[in-house]
Amino acid sequence: MVYKGDLEIDPRGMIYEAYRMEPITVADARVIFLDWAMEAAKADMRADLELLLRTYGQHAPDHPMTQVIKEGLSQSAIKGRRGGRSGRMRG
């Protein structure tokens, strides 16, 4: 069996493998992250992102995936809806 990391929140090893890709751009990292997030979507995404950052990001602070995960964390801090009919009706 091929080792793909040991995080339950990354069962296909997408984030694990992204950290091993050379070269990888921020745009590539965003595509991988979006694919992972759509599969892993659940109530506590912030906790999952923090775990990814602790597990992988601390060893690669300048990696594009670390940047994308940090962006995801900052976006998860925004409260409320930001679009759709609800967003258009405000104001």
C-alpha atoms as a PDB file:
ATOM      1  CA  MET A   1       0.000   0.000   0.000  1.00  0.00           C
ATOM      2  CA  VAL A   2       1.209   3.500  -0.814  1.00  0.00           C
ATOM      3  CA  TYR A   3       1.567   5.858   2.144  1.00  0.00           C
ATOM      4  CA  LYS A   4      -0.596   8.974   1.722  1.00  0.00           C
ATOM      5  CA  GLY A   5      -0.260  10.575   5.112  1.00  0.00           C
ATOM      6  CA  ASP A   6      -2.097   9.516   8.210  1.00  0.00           C
ATOM      7  CA  LEU A   7      -4.696  12.227   8.679  1.00  0.00           C
ATOM      8  CA  GLU A   8      -8.275  11.004   8.792  1.00  0.00           C
ATOM      9  CA  ILE A   9      -9.387  14.360   7.343  1.00  0.00           C
ATOM     10  CA  ASP A  10      -7.229  13.773   4.244  1.00  0.00           C
ATOM     11  CA  PRO A  11      -8.088  10.168   3.348  1.00  0.00           C
ATOM     12  CA  ARG A  12      -6.927  10.407  -0.280  1.00  0.00           C
ATOM     13  CA  GLY A  13      -3.735  12.172   0.768  1.00  0.00           C
ATOM     14  CA  MET A  14      -4.427  15.181  -1.468  1.00  0.00           C
ATOM     15  CA  ILE A  15      -2.952  17.758   0.893  1.00  0.00           C
ATOM     16  CA  TYR A  16      -0.124  15.397   1.845  1.00  0.00           C
ATOM     17  CA  GLU A  17       0.827  14.959  -1.820  1.00  0.00           C
ATOM     18  CA  ALA A  18       0.499  18.680  -2.575  1.00  0.00           C
ATOM     19  CA  TYR A  19       3.294  19.366  -0.090  1.00  0.00           C
ATOM     20  CA  ARG A  20       5.506  16.942  -1.987  1.00  0.00           C
ATOM     21  CA  MET A  21       4.909  18.368  -5.470  1.00  0.00           C
ATOM     22  CA  GLU A  22       7.736  20.315  -7.050  1.00  0.00           C
ATOM     23  CA  PRO A  23       7.137  22.846  -8.457  1.00  0.00           C
ATOM     24  CA  ILE A  24       3.658  23.831  -7.319  1.00  0.00           C
ATOM     25  CA  THR A  25       2.076  27.246  -7.736  1.00  0.00           C
ATOM     26  CA  VAL A  26      -0.470  28.973  -5.537  1.00  0.00           C
ATOM     27  CA  ALA A  27      -3.020  28.421  -8.316  1.00  0.00           C
ATOM     28  CA  ASP A  28      -2.247  24.672  -8.317  1.00  0.00           C
ATOM     29  CA  ALA A  29      -2.547  24.593  -4.526  1.00  0.00           C
ATOM     30  CA  ARG A  30      -5.947  26.327  -4.686  1.00  0.00           C
ATOM     31  CA  VAL A  31      -7.293  23.730  -7.129  1.00  0.00           C
ATOM     32  CA  ILE A  32      -6.104  20.871  -4.921  1.00  0.00           C
ATOM     33  CA  PHE A  33      -7.454  22.596  -1.814  1.00  0.00           C
ATOM     34  CA  LEU A  34     -10.873  23.164  -3.386  1.00  0.00           C
ATOM     35  CA  ASP A  35     -11.091  19.521  -4.417  1.00  0.00           C
ATOM     36  CA  TRP A  36     -10.149  18.469  -0.883  1.00  0.00           C
ATOM     37  CA  ALA A  37     -12.586  20.931   0.734  1.00  0.00           C
ATOM     38  CA  MET A  38     -15.510  19.810  -1.413  1.00  0.00           C
ATOM     39  CA  GLU A  39     -14.900  16.206  -0.413  1.00  0.00           C
ATOM     40  CA  ALA A  40     -14.205  16.982   3.243  1.00  0.00           C
ATOM     41  CA  ALA A  41     -16.978  19.556   3.721  1.00  0.00           C
ATOM     42  CA  LYS A  42     -18.289  19.311   7.241  1.00  0.00           C
ATOM     43  CA  ALA A  43     -19.317  21.466  10.151  1.00  0.00           C
ATOM     44  CA  ASP A  44     -15.908  22.140  11.674  1.00  0.00           C
ATOM     45  CA  MET A  45     -13.778  23.059   8.674  1.00  0.00           C
ATOM     46  CA  ARG A  46     -11.781  25.539  10.767  1.00  0.00           C
ATOM     47  CA  ALA A  47     -10.526  22.770  13.060  1.00  0.00           C
ATOM     48  CA  ASP A  48      -9.566  20.689  10.015  1.00  0.00           C
ATOM     49  CA  LEU A  49      -7.617  23.589   8.514  1.00  0.00           C
ATOM     50  CA  GLU A  50      -5.814  24.203  11.790  1.00  0.00           C
ATOM     51  CA  LEU A  51      -4.859  20.510  11.916  1.00  0.00           C
ATOM     52  CA  LEU A  52      -3.550  20.620   8.330  1.00  0.00           C
ATOM     53  CA  LEU A  53      -1.515  23.711   9.157  1.00  0.00           C
ATOM     54  CA  ARG A  54      -0.031  22.131  12.297  1.00  0.00           C
ATOM     55  CA  THR A  55       0.701  18.848  10.532  1.00  0.00           C
ATOM     56  CA  TYR A  56       2.114  20.083   7.227  1.00  0.00           C
ATOM     57  CA  GLY A  57       2.426  23.872   7.296  1.00  0.00           C
ATOM     58  CA  GLN A  58       4.766  24.193  10.245  1.00  0.00           C
ATOM     59  CA  HIS A  59       7.421  22.267   8.317  1.00  0.00           C
ATOM     60  CA  ALA A  60       6.904  24.267   5.113  1.00  0.00           C
ATOM     61  CA  PRO A  61       5.923  27.835   6.040  1.00  0.00           C
ATOM     62  CA  ASP A  62       6.732  29.200   2.563  1.00  0.00           C
ATOM     63  CA  HIS A  63       4.934  26.463   0.616  1.00  0.00           C
ATOM     64  CA  PRO A  64       2.023  27.606  -1.599  1.00  0.00           C
ATOM     65  CA  MET A  65      -0.337  25.128   0.101  1.00  0.00           C
ATOM     66  CA  THR A  66       0.466  26.691   3.479  1.00  0.00           C
ATOM     67  CA  GLN A  67      -0.556  30.060   2.035  1.00  0.00           C
ATOM     68  CA  VAL A  68      -3.820  28.600   0.706  1.00  0.00           C
ATOM     69  CA  ILE A  69      -4.654  26.925   4.028  1.00  0.00           C
ATOM     70  CA  LYS A  70      -4.003  30.211   5.859  1.00  0.00           C
ATOM     71  CA  GLU A  71      -6.304  31.980   3.379  1.00  0.00           C
ATOM     72  CA  GLY A  72      -8.933  29.347   4.118  1.00  0.00           C
ATOM     73  CA  LEU A  73      -8.571  29.984   7.833  1.00  0.00           C
ATOM     74  CA  SER A  74      -8.975  33.723   7.384  1.00  0.00           C
ATOM     75  CA  GLN A  75     -12.078  33.175   5.234  1.00  0.00           C
ATOM     76  CA  SER A  76     -13.567  30.784   7.799  1.00  0.00           C
ATOM     77  CA  ALA A  77     -13.424  33.621  10.336  1.00  0.00           C
ATOM     78  CA  ILE A  78     -15.925  35.641   8.269  1.00  0.00           C
ATOM     79  CA  LYS A  79     -19.361  35.193   9.739  1.00  0.00           C
ATOM     80  CA  GLY A  80     -22.655  35.093   7.891  1.00  0.00           C
ATOM     81  CA  ARG A  81     -23.582  34.570   4.270  1.00  0.00           C
ATOM     82  CA  ARG A  82     -21.792  36.438   1.538  1.00  0.00           C
ATOM     83  CA  GLY A  83     -23.881  35.995  -1.544  1.00  0.00           C
ATOM     84  CA  GLY A  84     -26.975  34.604  -3.141  1.00  0.00           C
ATOM     85  CA  ARG A  85     -30.352  36.179  -2.611  1.00  0.00           C
ATOM     86  CA  SER A  86     -29.600  36.925   1.034  1.00  0.00           C
ATOM     87  CA  GLY A  87     -26.544  38.976   0.076  1.00  0.00           C
ATOM     88  CA  ARG A  88     -28.422  40.927  -2.604  1.00  0.00           C
ATOM     89  CA  MET A  89     -31.309  41.780  -0.279  1.00  0.00           C
ATOM     90  CA  ARG A  90     -29.078  43.486   2.279  1.00  0.00           C
ATOM     91  CA  GLY A  91     -28.353  47.120   2.080  1.00  0.00           C
END
